[in-house]
Amino acid sequence: MQRLNEQLTSLNINDSLGGATEFEALINHLIGKIQTITLVKVISVKATGVAPVGTVDVQPLVHQIDGSGNVVPLGEVYSVPYFRLQGGVNAVICDPVVGDLGMCSFASRDISKVKKNKAASAPDSRRQYDWSDGLYHGGFLNGIPNQYVFLHGGGIRIVSPGDIELIGKNIKLTASDGVTSTSQTFQSNTATTAQFTGGGGIQSDGDIKAATVSVQTHTHGGVQTGGGNTGGPNA
């Protein structure tokens, strides 16, 4: 049961006495309705991978507090476009996933028609700084990744618990101190020439094969004495 003297609003009796105090209270009340930037949690993701940039549904993490001090969680914000680093047809794809924490900013005008048309459009309503006009930017307050590209003072490190694929018309590895492989196999599945250039050569702790011929264990036939040449390696 509410007490008769319990405050039900952020305003108090002094805010209605006129003058600067009432004017300031009115301004603060209106500012409180403006959405700017807040932290959110990703609830669902729509359209990911090699596709047009999708949207997320997010849950604002900062709750509201009413005049009585009661904490009121905010509802979800739906169909929020998320950020992707992209220029033309070139992009770095790292889509958000459910549970990510990130930042949501809110446009000053209704962006619903721009989202639909993907072109300059008139606002569909007169709303301003509204929850419905959010844009998601990921990567705040998240945990330790296990798959990443790490740019640091000593170089660049690419780490993945799964496969790393390089797909292109031509793939070239150039290293002044050589290319070193510590894997058990090093395969080049290409119909054209695989080129590795570098003054240090190519080193491998495991075997290297050309087709079925092993560098470590292959033998030669047709051996001739007196300075002659050997035959080709036996498979």
C-alpha atoms as a PDB file:
ATOM      1  CA  MET A   1       0.000   0.000   0.000  1.00  0.00           C
ATOM      2  CA  GLN A   2       1.402   3.408  -0.956  1.00  0.00           C
ATOM      3  CA  ARG A   3       2.057   6.007   1.713  1.00  0.00           C
ATOM      4  CA  LEU A   4       0.308   9.321   1.206  1.00  0.00           C
ATOM      5  CA  ASN A   5       3.602  11.207   1.181  1.00  0.00           C
ATOM      6  CA  GLU A   6       5.372   8.837  -1.244  1.00  0.00           C
ATOM      7  CA  GLN A   7       6.882  10.626  -4.245  1.00  0.00           C
ATOM      8  CA  LEU A   8       5.374   9.362  -7.521  1.00  0.00           C
ATOM      9  CA  THR A   9       7.319  11.571  -9.902  1.00  0.00           C
ATOM     10  CA  SER A  10      10.762  13.105 -10.208  1.00  0.00           C
ATOM     11  CA  LEU A  11       9.140  16.541  -9.868  1.00  0.00           C
ATOM     12  CA  ASN A  12       8.295  18.135  -6.511  1.00  0.00           C
ATOM     13  CA  ILE A  13       6.020  20.938  -5.325  1.00  0.00           C
ATOM     14  CA  ASN A  14       8.744  23.558  -5.681  1.00  0.00           C
ATOM     15  CA  ASP A  15       8.888  22.893  -9.421  1.00  0.00           C
ATOM     16  CA  SER A  16       5.381  24.309  -9.873  1.00  0.00           C
ATOM     17  CA  LEU A  17       5.945  27.672  -8.160  1.00  0.00           C
ATOM     18  CA  GLY A  18       6.944  29.465 -11.347  1.00  0.00           C
ATOM     19  CA  GLY A  19      10.166  31.213 -12.246  1.00  0.00           C
ATOM     20  CA  ALA A  20      13.511  29.619 -13.085  1.00  0.00           C
ATOM     21  CA  THR A  21      12.901  26.496 -11.019  1.00  0.00           C
ATOM     22  CA  GLU A  22       9.751  25.552 -12.916  1.00  0.00           C
ATOM     23  CA  PHE A  23      11.406  26.338 -16.247  1.00  0.00           C
ATOM     24  CA  GLU A  24      14.435  24.180 -15.358  1.00  0.00           C
ATOM     25  CA  ALA A  25      12.185  21.298 -14.264  1.00  0.00           C
ATOM     26  CA  LEU A  26      10.312  21.428 -17.562  1.00  0.00           C
ATOM     27  CA  ILE A  27      13.545  21.375 -19.564  1.00  0.00           C
ATOM     28  CA  ASN A  28      14.935  18.435 -17.560  1.00  0.00           C
ATOM     29  CA  HIS A  29      11.668  16.548 -18.045  1.00  0.00           C
ATOM     30  CA  LEU A  30      11.843  16.992 -21.819  1.00  0.00           C
ATOM     31  CA  ILE A  31      15.544  16.058 -21.950  1.00  0.00           C
ATOM     32  CA  GLY A  32      14.687  12.856 -20.096  1.00  0.00           C
ATOM     33  CA  LYS A  33      12.567  11.761 -23.044  1.00  0.00           C
ATOM     34  CA  ILE A  34      15.496  12.036 -25.476  1.00  0.00           C
ATOM     35  CA  GLN A  35      17.407   8.852 -26.323  1.00  0.00           C
ATOM     36  CA  THR A  36      21.095   9.376 -27.137  1.00  0.00           C
ATOM     37  CA  ILE A  37      23.418   6.394 -26.484  1.00  0.00           C
ATOM     38  CA  THR A  38      23.095   3.420 -24.163  1.00  0.00           C
ATOM     39  CA  LEU A  39      24.598  -0.028 -23.557  1.00  0.00           C
ATOM     40  CA  VAL A  40      22.560  -2.987 -24.793  1.00  0.00           C
ATOM     41  CA  LYS A  41      22.611  -6.783 -24.989  1.00  0.00           C
ATOM     42  CA  VAL A  42      21.944  -8.619 -28.256  1.00  0.00           C
ATOM     43  CA  ILE A  43      18.829 -10.800 -27.969  1.00  0.00           C
ATOM     44  CA  SER A  44      18.579 -12.030 -31.563  1.00  0.00           C
ATOM     45  CA  VAL A  45      20.366 -11.549 -34.892  1.00  0.00           C
ATOM     46  CA  LYS A  46      18.839 -11.497 -38.376  1.00  0.00           C
ATOM     47  CA  ALA A  47      20.901 -11.996 -41.578  1.00  0.00           C
ATOM     48  CA  THR A  48      24.588 -12.782 -41.083  1.00  0.00           C
ATOM     49  CA  GLY A  49      27.538 -13.972 -43.129  1.00  0.00           C
ATOM     50  CA  VAL A  50      28.110 -13.139 -46.790  1.00  0.00           C
ATOM     51  CA  ALA A  51      24.852 -11.227 -47.169  1.00  0.00           C
ATOM     52  CA  PRO A  52      23.625  -7.631 -46.872  1.00  0.00           C
ATOM     53  CA  VAL A  53      24.103  -6.208 -43.383  1.00  0.00           C
ATOM     54  CA  GLY A  54      21.323  -7.425 -41.086  1.00  0.00           C
ATOM     55  CA  THR A  55      19.651  -6.271 -37.897  1.00  0.00           C
ATOM     56  CA  VAL A  56      19.598  -7.167 -34.215  1.00  0.00           C
ATOM     57  CA  ASP A  57      17.011  -7.058 -31.448  1.00  0.00           C
ATOM     58  CA  VAL A  58      18.561  -5.596 -28.319  1.00  0.00           C
ATOM     59  CA  GLN A  59      17.766  -5.176 -24.618  1.00  0.00           C
ATOM     60  CA  PRO A  60      18.852  -1.858 -23.019  1.00  0.00           C
ATOM     61  CA  LEU A  61      20.948  -2.622 -19.937  1.00  0.00           C
ATOM     62  CA  VAL A  62      20.293   0.558 -17.925  1.00  0.00           C
ATOM     63  CA  HIS A  63      16.909   0.285 -16.206  1.00  0.00           C
ATOM     64  CA  GLN A  64      14.512   3.123 -15.514  1.00  0.00           C
ATOM     65  CA  ILE A  65      13.648   4.315 -12.003  1.00  0.00           C
ATOM     66  CA  ASP A  66      10.234   5.776 -11.263  1.00  0.00           C
ATOM     67  CA  GLY A  67       9.430   8.514  -8.778  1.00  0.00           C
ATOM     68  CA  SER A  68       9.002   5.935  -6.011  1.00  0.00           C
ATOM     69  CA  GLY A  69      12.465   4.465  -6.610  1.00  0.00           C
ATOM     70  CA  ASN A  70      11.151   1.312  -8.253  1.00  0.00           C
ATOM     71  CA  VAL A  71      13.452  -0.225 -10.866  1.00  0.00           C
ATOM     72  CA  VAL A  72      11.688  -0.847 -14.188  1.00  0.00           C
ATOM     73  CA  PRO A  73      13.511  -2.815 -16.940  1.00  0.00           C
ATOM     74  CA  LEU A  74      13.068  -1.487 -20.468  1.00  0.00           C
ATOM     75  CA  GLY A  75      11.607  -3.604 -23.232  1.00  0.00           C
ATOM     76  CA  GLU A  76      13.471  -4.868 -26.288  1.00  0.00           C
ATOM     77  CA  VAL A  77      14.280  -2.649 -29.243  1.00  0.00           C
ATOM     78  CA  TYR A  78      13.615  -4.455 -32.515  1.00  0.00           C
ATOM     79  CA  SER A  79      15.196  -4.433 -35.990  1.00  0.00           C
ATOM     80  CA  VAL A  80      18.227  -2.308 -35.166  1.00  0.00           C
ATOM     81  CA  PRO A  81      20.755  -2.158 -38.054  1.00  0.00           C
ATOM     82  CA  TYR A  82      24.225  -3.241 -36.906  1.00  0.00           C
ATOM     83  CA  PHE A  83      27.601  -1.860 -38.001  1.00  0.00           C
ATOM     84  CA  ARG A  84      29.889  -3.670 -40.462  1.00  0.00           C
ATOM     85  CA  LEU A  85      33.244  -2.318 -41.648  1.00  0.00           C
ATOM     86  CA  GLN A  86      32.572  -2.063 -45.378  1.00  0.00           C
ATOM     87  CA  GLY A  87      33.580   0.038 -48.367  1.00  0.00           C
ATOM     88  CA  GLY A  88      31.863  -0.788 -51.654  1.00  0.00           C
ATOM     89  CA  VAL A  89      32.053  -4.570 -52.150  1.00  0.00           C
ATOM     90  CA  ASN A  90      34.966  -4.884 -49.675  1.00  0.00           C
ATOM     91  CA  ALA A  91      34.158  -5.796 -46.088  1.00  0.00           C
ATOM     92  CA  VAL A  92      35.375  -7.293 -42.841  1.00  0.00           C
ATOM     93  CA  ILE A  93      32.569  -9.603 -41.702  1.00  0.00           C
ATOM     94  CA  CYS A  94      32.287 -10.078 -37.954  1.00  0.00           C
ATOM     95  CA  ASP A  95      28.575 -10.265 -37.228  1.00  0.00           C
ATOM     96  CA  PRO A  96      27.169  -9.886 -33.714  1.00  0.00           C
ATOM     97  CA  VAL A  97      25.942 -12.976 -31.872  1.00  0.00           C
ATOM     98  CA  VAL A  98      23.302 -13.454 -29.195  1.00  0.00           C
ATOM     99  CA  GLY A  99      24.621 -12.334 -25.819  1.00  0.00           C
ATOM    100  CA  ASP A 100      27.027  -9.708 -27.136  1.00  0.00           C
ATOM    101  CA  LEU A 101      27.219  -6.409 -25.276  1.00  0.00           C
ATOM    102  CA  GLY A 102      27.459  -3.272 -27.356  1.00  0.00           C
ATOM    103  CA  MET A 103      26.390   0.313 -27.825  1.00  0.00           C
ATOM    104  CA  CYS A 104      23.160   1.535 -29.371  1.00  0.00           C
ATOM    105  CA  SER A 105      22.914   5.103 -30.610  1.00  0.00           C
ATOM    106  CA  PHE A 106      19.661   6.776 -31.629  1.00  0.00           C
ATOM    107  CA  ALA A 107      19.093   9.008 -34.648  1.00  0.00           C
ATOM    108  CA  SER A 108      17.612  12.474 -34.231  1.00  0.00           C
ATOM    109  CA  ARG A 109      14.803  11.712 -36.714  1.00  0.00           C
ATOM    110  CA  ASP A 110      12.731   8.768 -37.930  1.00  0.00           C
ATOM    111  CA  ILE A 111      15.007   6.536 -40.063  1.00  0.00           C
ATOM    112  CA  SER A 112      12.473   3.794 -40.871  1.00  0.00           C
ATOM    113  CA  LYS A 113      12.091   4.740 -44.563  1.00  0.00           C
ATOM    114  CA  VAL A 114      15.853   5.023 -45.050  1.00  0.00           C
ATOM    115  CA  LYS A 115      16.202   1.514 -43.574  1.00  0.00           C
ATOM    116  CA  LYS A 116      13.582   0.244 -46.024  1.00  0.00           C
ATOM    117  CA  ASN A 117      14.703   2.107 -49.158  1.00  0.00           C
ATOM    118  CA  LYS A 118      18.456   2.251 -48.442  1.00  0.00           C
ATOM    119  CA  ALA A 119      18.379   5.717 -49.987  1.00  0.00           C
ATOM    120  CA  ALA A 120      17.607   9.312 -49.016  1.00  0.00           C
ATOM    121  CA  SER A 121      13.994   9.478 -47.835  1.00  0.00           C
ATOM    122  CA  ALA A 122      11.635  11.730 -45.931  1.00  0.00           C
ATOM    123  CA  PRO A 123      10.989  10.757 -42.292  1.00  0.00           C
ATOM    124  CA  ASP A 124       7.935   8.556 -41.886  1.00  0.00           C
ATOM    125  CA  SER A 125       6.854  10.406 -38.735  1.00  0.00           C
ATOM    126  CA  ARG A 126       7.816  13.428 -36.624  1.00  0.00           C
ATOM    127  CA  ARG A 127       9.396  11.431 -33.810  1.00  0.00           C
ATOM    128  CA  GLN A 128      12.805  12.567 -32.526  1.00  0.00           C
ATOM    129  CA  TYR A 129      15.562  10.766 -30.576  1.00  0.00           C
ATOM    130  CA  ASP A 130      13.308   7.728 -30.257  1.00  0.00           C
ATOM    131  CA  TRP A 131      14.036   4.126 -29.205  1.00  0.00           C
ATOM    132  CA  SER A 132      12.746   2.988 -32.619  1.00  0.00           C
ATOM    133  CA  ASP A 133      15.615   4.682 -34.496  1.00  0.00           C
ATOM    134  CA  GLY A 134      18.565   2.832 -33.014  1.00  0.00           C
ATOM    135  CA  LEU A 135      21.878   1.787 -34.608  1.00  0.00           C
ATOM    136  CA  TYR A 136      23.985  -0.976 -33.030  1.00  0.00           C
ATOM    137  CA  HIS A 137      27.777  -0.797 -32.624  1.00  0.00           C
ATOM    138  CA  GLY A 138      29.215  -3.950 -31.056  1.00  0.00           C
ATOM    139  CA  GLY A 139      32.238  -4.771 -28.977  1.00  0.00           C
ATOM    140  CA  PHE A 140      31.812  -3.202 -25.515  1.00  0.00           C
ATOM    141  CA  LEU A 141      32.402  -5.041 -22.201  1.00  0.00           C
ATOM    142  CA  ASN A 142      32.717  -8.472 -23.856  1.00  0.00           C
ATOM    143  CA  GLY A 143      34.951 -11.358 -22.744  1.00  0.00           C
ATOM    144  CA  ILE A 144      38.147 -12.965 -24.066  1.00  0.00           C
ATOM    145  CA  PRO A 145      37.932 -14.118 -27.731  1.00  0.00           C
ATOM    146  CA  ASN A 146      39.318 -17.470 -28.898  1.00  0.00           C
ATOM    147  CA  GLN A 147      39.346 -16.486 -32.587  1.00  0.00           C
ATOM    148  CA  TYR A 148      40.912 -13.189 -33.576  1.00  0.00           C
ATOM    149  CA  VAL A 149      43.245 -11.043 -35.645  1.00  0.00           C
ATOM    150  CA  PHE A 150      45.722  -9.430 -33.235  1.00  0.00           C
ATOM    151  CA  LEU A 151      47.684  -6.382 -34.422  1.00  0.00           C
ATOM    152  CA  HIS A 152      50.512  -5.644 -31.992  1.00  0.00           C
ATOM    153  CA  GLY A 153      53.966  -4.090 -31.888  1.00  0.00           C
ATOM    154  CA  GLY A 154      55.702  -7.287 -32.998  1.00  0.00           C
ATOM    155  CA  GLY A 155      53.470  -8.063 -35.972  1.00  0.00           C
ATOM    156  CA  ILE A 156      50.076  -9.545 -36.793  1.00  0.00           C
ATOM    157  CA  ARG A 157      48.706 -12.780 -35.339  1.00  0.00           C
ATOM    158  CA  ILE A 158      45.763 -14.706 -36.810  1.00  0.00           C
ATOM    159  CA  VAL A 159      44.304 -17.331 -34.448  1.00  0.00           C
ATOM    160  CA  SER A 160      41.424 -19.765 -34.986  1.00  0.00           C
ATOM    161  CA  PRO A 161      40.394 -23.033 -33.297  1.00  0.00           C
ATOM    162  CA  GLY A 162      39.054 -24.090 -36.718  1.00  0.00           C
ATOM    163  CA  ASP A 163      40.235 -23.846 -40.311  1.00  0.00           C
ATOM    164  CA  ILE A 164      41.765 -20.721 -41.852  1.00  0.00           C
ATOM    165  CA  GLU A 165      40.966 -20.407 -45.564  1.00  0.00           C
ATOM    166  CA  LEU A 166      42.619 -18.178 -48.143  1.00  0.00           C
ATOM    167  CA  ILE A 167      40.651 -18.055 -51.402  1.00  0.00           C
ATOM    168  CA  GLY A 168      41.789 -15.957 -54.330  1.00  0.00           C
ATOM    169  CA  LYS A 169      42.847 -15.909 -57.961  1.00  0.00           C
ATOM    170  CA  ASN A 170      46.494 -15.840 -56.907  1.00  0.00           C
ATOM    171  CA  ILE A 171      47.838 -16.224 -53.366  1.00  0.00           C
ATOM    172  CA  LYS A 172      51.424 -15.178 -52.729  1.00  0.00           C
ATOM    173  CA  LEU A 173      53.462 -15.491 -49.541  1.00  0.00           C
ATOM    174  CA  THR A 174      56.525 -13.255 -49.392  1.00  0.00           C
ATOM    175  CA  ALA A 175      58.795 -13.304 -46.342  1.00  0.00           C
ATOM    176  CA  SER A 176      62.329 -11.917 -46.127  1.00  0.00           C
ATOM    177  CA  ASP A 177      63.298 -14.490 -43.478  1.00  0.00           C
ATOM    178  CA  GLY A 178      61.509 -17.461 -45.048  1.00  0.00           C
ATOM    179  CA  VAL A 179      58.207 -19.271 -44.491  1.00  0.00           C
ATOM    180  CA  THR A 180      58.138 -21.698 -41.552  1.00  0.00           C
ATOM    181  CA  SER A 181      55.507 -24.401 -41.000  1.00  0.00           C
ATOM    182  CA  THR A 182      55.187 -26.456 -37.808  1.00  0.00           C
ATOM    183  CA  SER A 183      52.149 -28.421 -39.012  1.00  0.00           C
ATOM    184  CA  GLN A 184      52.281 -32.121 -39.891  1.00  0.00           C
ATOM    185  CA  THR A 185      51.111 -31.441 -43.454  1.00  0.00           C
ATOM    186  CA  PHE A 186      51.497 -28.524 -45.843  1.00  0.00           C
ATOM    187  CA  GLN A 187      49.264 -28.908 -48.892  1.00  0.00           C
ATOM    188  CA  SER A 188      48.784 -26.749 -51.970  1.00  0.00           C
ATOM    189  CA  ASN A 189      45.646 -27.790 -53.829  1.00  0.00           C
ATOM    190  CA  THR A 190      45.910 -25.654 -56.942  1.00  0.00           C
ATOM    191  CA  ALA A 191      46.039 -26.334 -60.666  1.00  0.00           C
ATOM    192  CA  THR A 192      48.485 -23.457 -61.149  1.00  0.00           C
ATOM    193  CA  THR A 193      51.839 -22.724 -59.569  1.00  0.00           C
ATOM    194  CA  ALA A 194      52.014 -22.061 -55.836  1.00  0.00           C
ATOM    195  CA  GLN A 195      54.685 -19.383 -55.348  1.00  0.00           C
ATOM    196  CA  PHE A 196      56.658 -18.822 -52.169  1.00  0.00           C
ATOM    197  CA  THR A 197      59.348 -16.144 -52.417  1.00  0.00           C
ATOM    198  CA  GLY A 198      61.791 -15.026 -49.758  1.00  0.00           C
ATOM    199  CA  GLY A 199      65.519 -15.005 -49.141  1.00  0.00           C
ATOM    200  CA  GLY A 200      65.227 -17.385 -46.175  1.00  0.00           C
ATOM    201  CA  GLY A 201      63.703 -20.268 -48.135  1.00  0.00           C
ATOM    202  CA  ILE A 202      60.968 -22.614 -46.894  1.00  0.00           C
ATOM    203  CA  GLN A 203      61.345 -24.636 -43.689  1.00  0.00           C
ATOM    204  CA  SER A 204      59.078 -27.344 -42.287  1.00  0.00           C
ATOM    205  CA  ASP A 205      59.326 -29.547 -39.210  1.00  0.00           C
ATOM    206  CA  GLY A 206      57.250 -32.126 -41.109  1.00  0.00           C
ATOM    207  CA  ASP A 207      57.461 -33.614 -44.579  1.00  0.00           C
ATOM    208  CA  ILE A 208      56.895 -31.720 -47.854  1.00  0.00           C
ATOM    209  CA  LYS A 209      55.394 -33.555 -50.840  1.00  0.00           C
ATOM    210  CA  ALA A 210      55.196 -32.756 -54.540  1.00  0.00           C
ATOM    211  CA  ALA A 211      52.156 -34.770 -55.656  1.00  0.00           C
ATOM    212  CA  THR A 212      52.961 -38.164 -53.998  1.00  0.00           C
ATOM    213  CA  VAL A 213      56.736 -37.684 -53.825  1.00  0.00           C
ATOM    214  CA  SER A 214      58.102 -37.086 -50.320  1.00  0.00           C
ATOM    215  CA  VAL A 215      61.055 -34.733 -49.839  1.00  0.00           C
ATOM    216  CA  GLN A 216      62.169 -36.684 -46.769  1.00  0.00           C
ATOM    217  CA  THR A 217      61.840 -40.292 -47.980  1.00  0.00           C
ATOM    218  CA  HIS A 218      61.923 -40.330 -51.796  1.00  0.00           C
ATOM    219  CA  THR A 219      64.609 -42.330 -53.606  1.00  0.00           C
ATOM    220  CA  HIS A 220      66.241 -41.938 -57.018  1.00  0.00           C
ATOM    221  CA  GLY A 221      66.643 -44.561 -59.718  1.00  0.00           C
ATOM    222  CA  GLY A 222      69.072 -44.682 -62.621  1.00  0.00           C
ATOM    223  CA  VAL A 223      72.104 -43.742 -60.521  1.00  0.00           C
ATOM    224  CA  GLN A 224      75.255 -43.484 -62.660  1.00  0.00           C
ATOM    225  CA  THR A 225      78.874 -43.398 -61.509  1.00  0.00           C
ATOM    226  CA  GLY A 226      81.659 -41.221 -62.848  1.00  0.00           C
ATOM    227  CA  GLY A 227      79.911 -37.871 -62.486  1.00  0.00           C
ATOM    228  CA  GLY A 228      76.664 -38.824 -64.190  1.00  0.00           C
ATOM    229  CA  ASN A 229      73.173 -37.691 -63.188  1.00  0.00           C
ATOM    230  CA  THR A 230      70.629 -39.574 -61.154  1.00  0.00           C
ATOM    231  CA  GLY A 231      67.239 -40.410 -62.494  1.00  0.00           C
ATOM    232  CA  GLY A 232      64.070 -38.785 -61.257  1.00  0.00           C
ATOM    233  CA  PRO A 233      62.739 -39.573 -57.765  1.00  0.00           C
ATOM    234  CA  ASN A 234      60.724 -42.742 -57.277  1.00  0.00           C
ATOM    235  CA  ALA A 235      57.178 -42.183 -56.017  1.00  0.00           C
END
